[in-house]
Amino acid sequence: MSVSVKSESEIELMREAGHILAIVHEELAAMIKPGISTYDIDKRGYEVIKSYGCIPSFLNYNGYPASICVSVNDEVVHGIPSKTRILKDGDIVSLDAGVIYKGWQSDSARTVAVGEISPEAKRLIEVTKQSFFEGIRYAREGFHLNDVSTAIQNYVEANGYSVVRDLVGHGIGRELHEDPQVPNFRQRRRGIKLQAGMTLAIEPMVNAGRYDVRWLDDDWTVVTEDGSLSAHYENTVLITKGEPELLSIRKEEKR
């Protein structure tokens, strides 16, 4: 396994990609309401990405047919947008997007409420987001990858939820998926030692029920086996000697 360490000039390009991606997510979140189709979300995502001179990372990636992964309720990831899938009040929708800026990638995901959602759904979204921040406490030079993974799992399970095992985060840079894999659950081995300049897409996928998932017949959409809700939170993260830098959050955005 070869994990790349980026130069400052490469990191600056990834910062710009991430800044643009943060704007994409803001635009998408603002349009989420009952009555729109998942196709509408994808169309808008494509338009915003192209308006900044970027390429959608996901479009035609290994055959994926859209620019935005739009996953509703029990869909964990990789939901394919459709004109017939209409959002309704009380749904939760996970939006996973990526951009390529001057050859460099950024990848992030958010789960958004559609209208008024249940307290249970709101809590799932909040715990999923916080599990990411629990994990990145260890995303700095000198810690091991498994420190991040273990912290995410511990927080999720302490709150009564489960972490998906069949899908993991990943390294990112010139390619959307690079070494290393970044599990959201503890491993038997400590994993690589993190170094400043590494860039990782850390992305907890959290189920309200069991962690088991299955793939639908479209070979893309992953759903919870038990039909429970699922939430997703992801950022592109730069490892430093101190606090990690979130490359896919706008500078002015507060946690």
Protein backbone atom coordinates (compact mmCIF):
# COMPACT_ATOMS: atom_id res chain seq x y z
CA MET A 1 0.00 0.00 0.00
CA SER A 2 1.30 3.40 -1.01
CA VAL A 3 -0.25 6.43 0.70
CA SER A 4 0.61 9.70 -0.99
CA VAL A 5 1.73 12.79 0.92
CA LYS A 6 0.68 15.97 -0.87
CA SER A 7 2.81 19.04 -1.44
CA GLU A 8 1.63 22.49 -0.37
CA SER A 9 0.75 23.40 -3.96
CA GLU A 10 -1.30 20.22 -4.32
CA ILE A 11 -3.02 20.86 -1.01
CA GLU A 12 -3.95 24.35 -2.14
CA LEU A 13 -5.71 22.92 -5.20
CA MET A 14 -7.56 20.45 -2.97
CA ARG A 15 -8.58 23.36 -0.71
CA GLU A 16 -10.12 25.11 -3.68
CA ALA A 17 -11.89 21.92 -4.76
CA GLY A 18 -13.24 21.55 -1.25
CA HIS A 19 -14.36 25.16 -1.05
CA ILE A 20 -16.35 24.71 -4.26
CA LEU A 21 -17.81 21.44 -3.01
CA ALA A 22 -18.97 23.16 0.19
CA ILE A 23 -20.87 25.67 -1.96
CA VAL A 24 -22.44 22.79 -3.90
CA HIS A 25 -23.73 21.28 -0.65
CA GLU A 26 -25.08 24.64 0.49
CA GLU A 27 -26.99 25.02 -2.78
CA LEU A 28 -28.38 21.50 -2.55
CA ALA A 29 -29.40 21.78 1.10
CA ALA A 30 -31.25 25.01 0.34
CA MET A 31 -33.45 23.34 -2.26
CA ILE A 32 -34.46 20.31 -0.20
CA LYS A 33 -38.21 20.35 0.47
CA PRO A 34 -41.20 18.05 0.05
CA GLY A 35 -42.28 17.62 -3.56
CA ILE A 36 -38.97 17.78 -5.38
CA SER A 37 -37.51 14.74 -7.10
CA THR A 38 -34.09 13.28 -6.49
CA TYR A 39 -33.45 14.01 -10.19
CA ASP A 40 -34.00 17.73 -9.47
CA ILE A 41 -31.24 17.55 -6.85
CA ASP A 42 -28.81 15.87 -9.23
CA LYS A 43 -29.56 18.35 -12.01
CA ARG A 44 -28.88 21.30 -9.74
CA GLY A 45 -25.72 19.70 -8.42
CA TYR A 46 -24.39 19.20 -11.94
CA GLU A 47 -25.17 22.82 -12.85
CA VAL A 48 -23.39 24.25 -9.80
CA ILE A 49 -20.33 22.03 -10.21
CA LYS A 50 -19.95 22.99 -13.88
CA SER A 51 -20.51 26.69 -13.12
CA TYR A 52 -17.26 26.67 -11.13
CA GLY A 53 -15.33 25.04 -13.96
CA CYS A 54 -15.19 21.70 -12.17
CA ILE A 55 -15.99 18.14 -13.21
CA PRO A 56 -18.44 16.01 -11.20
CA SER A 57 -16.33 13.25 -9.64
CA PHE A 58 -19.12 10.68 -9.66
CA LEU A 59 -20.60 11.10 -13.13
CA ASN A 60 -19.74 7.94 -15.10
CA TYR A 61 -17.33 6.82 -12.37
CA ASN A 62 -17.30 3.04 -12.79
CA GLY A 63 -20.58 3.52 -14.64
CA TYR A 64 -22.45 5.57 -12.01
CA PRO A 65 -25.05 7.52 -14.03
CA ALA A 66 -25.33 10.78 -12.04
CA SER A 67 -23.34 13.62 -10.45
CA ILE A 68 -24.85 13.40 -6.95
CA CYS A 69 -25.61 10.28 -4.91
CA VAL A 70 -29.07 10.91 -3.42
CA SER A 71 -30.02 8.33 -0.77
CA VAL A 72 -33.38 8.52 1.03
CA ASN A 73 -34.30 7.10 4.46
CA ASP A 74 -33.08 3.46 4.55
CA GLU A 75 -30.75 4.02 1.59
CA VAL A 76 -27.23 4.18 2.99
CA VAL A 77 -25.28 5.42 -0.04
CA HIS A 78 -25.18 5.52 -3.85
CA GLY A 79 -28.88 6.16 -4.39
CA ILE A 80 -29.44 6.87 -8.10
CA PRO A 81 -31.45 10.05 -8.75
CA SER A 82 -34.81 9.57 -10.45
CA LYS A 83 -37.64 11.77 -11.75
CA THR A 84 -40.11 9.44 -10.05
CA ARG A 85 -38.53 9.48 -6.57
CA ILE A 86 -40.26 12.40 -4.87
CA LEU A 87 -39.20 13.62 -1.44
CA LYS A 88 -41.90 13.91 1.19
CA ASP A 89 -42.22 15.57 4.56
CA GLY A 90 -40.39 13.58 7.24
CA ASP A 91 -37.82 12.00 4.91
CA ILE A 92 -34.10 12.28 5.46
CA VAL A 93 -31.85 12.46 2.40
CA SER A 94 -28.11 11.84 2.21
CA LEU A 95 -26.30 13.88 -0.43
CA ASP A 96 -22.86 12.62 -1.44
CA ALA A 97 -20.95 14.71 -3.96
CA GLY A 98 -17.47 15.15 -5.37
CA VAL A 99 -15.72 17.65 -7.61
CA ILE A 100 -12.54 17.64 -9.63
CA TYR A 101 -10.74 21.01 -9.78
CA LYS A 102 -7.66 21.24 -11.99
CA GLY A 103 -7.16 17.49 -11.62
CA TRP A 104 -7.63 17.33 -7.84
CA GLN A 105 -10.55 15.80 -5.99
CA SER A 106 -12.75 16.63 -3.04
CA ASP A 107 -15.50 14.39 -1.62
CA SER A 108 -18.10 15.09 1.08
CA ALA A 109 -21.57 14.04 2.24
CA ARG A 110 -24.37 15.47 4.35
CA THR A 111 -27.71 14.11 5.54
CA VAL A 112 -30.50 16.67 5.35
CA ALA A 113 -34.03 16.82 6.76
CA VAL A 114 -36.99 17.09 4.39
CA GLY A 115 -39.56 19.33 6.09
CA GLU A 116 -40.34 18.29 9.65
CA ILE A 117 -38.60 15.08 10.70
CA SER A 118 -39.01 12.92 13.78
CA PRO A 119 -36.86 13.47 16.89
CA GLU A 120 -35.39 10.00 16.26
CA ALA A 121 -34.31 10.92 12.73
CA LYS A 122 -32.86 14.22 13.93
CA ARG A 123 -30.84 12.48 16.61
CA LEU A 124 -29.47 9.95 14.10
CA ILE A 125 -28.25 12.78 11.87
CA GLU A 126 -26.64 14.58 14.82
CA VAL A 127 -24.90 11.47 16.17
CA THR A 128 -23.58 10.59 12.72
CA LYS A 129 -22.10 14.07 12.29
CA GLN A 130 -20.61 14.10 15.78
CA SER A 131 -19.07 10.66 15.26
CA PHE A 132 -17.01 12.19 12.45
CA PHE A 133 -15.71 14.88 14.82
CA GLU A 134 -14.98 12.29 17.49
CA GLY A 135 -12.90 10.38 14.95
CA ILE A 136 -10.88 13.31 13.65
CA ARG A 137 -9.61 14.10 17.13
CA TYR A 138 -7.05 11.43 16.19
CA ALA A 139 -6.58 12.51 12.58
CA ARG A 140 -3.19 14.06 13.11
CA GLU A 141 0.44 13.10 12.63
CA GLY A 142 1.64 10.36 14.94
CA PHE A 143 -1.69 8.63 15.53
CA HIS A 144 -2.66 5.44 13.73
CA LEU A 145 -5.56 5.06 11.33
CA ASN A 146 -7.28 2.65 13.70
CA ASP A 147 -7.42 5.37 16.36
CA VAL A 148 -9.79 7.29 14.08
CA SER A 149 -11.84 4.19 13.26
CA THR A 150 -12.20 3.11 16.88
CA ALA A 151 -13.28 6.55 18.09
CA ILE A 152 -16.04 6.69 15.47
CA GLN A 153 -17.38 3.25 16.36
CA ASN A 154 -17.22 3.86 20.11
CA TYR A 155 -19.25 7.05 19.85
CA VAL A 156 -21.86 5.58 17.51
CA GLU A 157 -22.41 2.45 19.59
CA ALA A 158 -22.49 4.40 22.86
CA ASN A 159 -25.48 6.21 21.36
CA GLY A 160 -27.29 3.01 20.45
CA TYR A 161 -26.61 2.96 16.72
CA SER A 162 -24.45 0.81 14.44
CA VAL A 163 -21.66 1.52 11.97
CA VAL A 164 -21.87 0.04 8.48
CA ARG A 165 -19.11 -2.53 7.93
CA ASP A 166 -19.36 -3.16 4.18
CA LEU A 167 -18.40 0.39 3.17
CA VAL A 168 -15.46 2.52 4.29
CA GLY A 169 -13.77 5.85 3.71
CA HIS A 170 -10.65 6.26 1.61
CA GLY A 171 -7.61 8.24 0.68
CA ILE A 172 -8.19 10.98 -1.92
CA GLY A 173 -6.10 13.23 -4.15
CA ARG A 174 -5.67 13.03 -7.88
CA GLU A 175 -7.93 9.98 -7.72
CA LEU A 176 -11.27 9.79 -5.98
CA HIS A 177 -10.30 6.57 -4.23
CA GLU A 178 -6.70 6.15 -3.14
CA ASP A 179 -4.96 4.20 -0.38
CA PRO A 180 -5.64 3.77 2.46
CA GLN A 181 -9.10 2.42 3.16
CA VAL A 182 -10.55 4.24 6.19
CA PRO A 183 -12.93 1.98 8.18
CA ASN A 184 -15.40 3.51 10.61
CA PHE A 185 -14.97 0.56 12.98
CA ARG A 186 -12.00 -0.83 14.89
CA GLN A 187 -9.52 -3.18 13.26
CA ARG A 188 -7.26 -5.83 14.75
CA ARG A 189 -4.24 -3.98 13.41
CA ARG A 190 -3.38 -0.38 14.19
CA GLY A 191 -3.20 0.57 10.52
CA ILE A 192 -0.82 3.09 9.02
CA LYS A 193 0.76 5.84 11.08
CA LEU A 194 -0.67 9.15 9.92
CA GLN A 195 1.67 11.76 8.43
CA ALA A 196 1.19 15.44 7.75
CA GLY A 197 0.18 15.94 4.12
CA MET A 198 -2.00 12.84 3.84
CA THR A 199 -5.55 13.51 2.67
CA LEU A 200 -8.43 11.24 3.67
CA ALA A 201 -12.15 11.10 2.99
CA ILE A 202 -13.53 10.13 6.41
CA GLU A 203 -17.21 9.19 6.20
CA PRO A 204 -19.22 7.54 8.96
CA MET A 205 -22.30 5.70 7.65
CA VAL A 206 -24.57 5.04 10.62
CA ASN A 207 -27.72 2.92 10.85
CA ALA A 208 -30.48 3.32 13.41
CA GLY A 209 -30.80 -0.48 13.48
CA ARG A 210 -28.33 -3.23 12.67
CA TYR A 211 -25.24 -2.58 10.58
CA ASP A 212 -26.14 -5.15 7.89
CA VAL A 213 -26.73 -3.79 4.39
CA ARG A 214 -27.63 -5.11 0.96
CA TRP A 215 -27.35 -3.90 -2.63
CA LEU A 216 -30.45 -3.32 -4.76
CA ASP A 217 -30.80 -4.74 -8.26
CA ASP A 218 -29.37 -1.54 -9.80
CA ASP A 219 -25.99 -2.70 -8.34
CA TRP A 220 -25.43 0.74 -6.81
CA THR A 221 -28.00 1.61 -4.16
CA VAL A 222 -27.08 0.24 -0.72
CA VAL A 223 -29.92 -0.09 1.81
CA THR A 224 -30.17 -1.21 5.42
CA GLU A 225 -31.07 -4.90 5.68
CA ASP A 226 -33.66 -4.25 8.39
CA GLY A 227 -35.21 -1.17 6.76
CA SER A 228 -33.96 1.21 9.46
CA LEU A 229 -32.93 4.79 8.74
CA SER A 230 -29.33 5.55 7.79
CA ALA A 231 -27.30 8.78 7.85
CA HIS A 232 -23.97 9.78 6.29
CA TYR A 233 -21.46 12.52 7.07
CA GLU A 234 -18.18 12.99 5.22
CA ASN A 235 -15.39 15.49 4.69
CA THR A 236 -12.07 15.54 2.90
CA VAL A 237 -9.51 15.86 5.70
CA LEU A 238 -5.88 17.03 5.62
CA ILE A 239 -3.60 15.46 8.22
CA THR A 240 -1.30 17.99 9.89
CA LYS A 241 1.04 17.97 12.86
CA GLY A 242 -1.76 19.58 14.89
CA GLU A 243 -5.49 19.93 14.36
CA PRO A 244 -6.69 18.35 11.09
CA GLU A 245 -7.89 20.71 8.38
CA LEU A 246 -11.29 20.05 6.84
CA LEU A 247 -10.78 20.80 3.16
CA SER A 248 -14.46 20.43 2.21
CA ILE A 249 -15.86 23.04 4.61
CA ARG A 250 -15.82 26.73 3.73
CA LYS A 251 -13.39 28.82 5.76
CA GLU A 252 -16.25 30.86 7.19
CA GLU A 253 -18.36 27.84 8.11
CA LYS A 254 -18.45 27.02 11.82
CA ARG A 255 -18.82 23.54 13.20
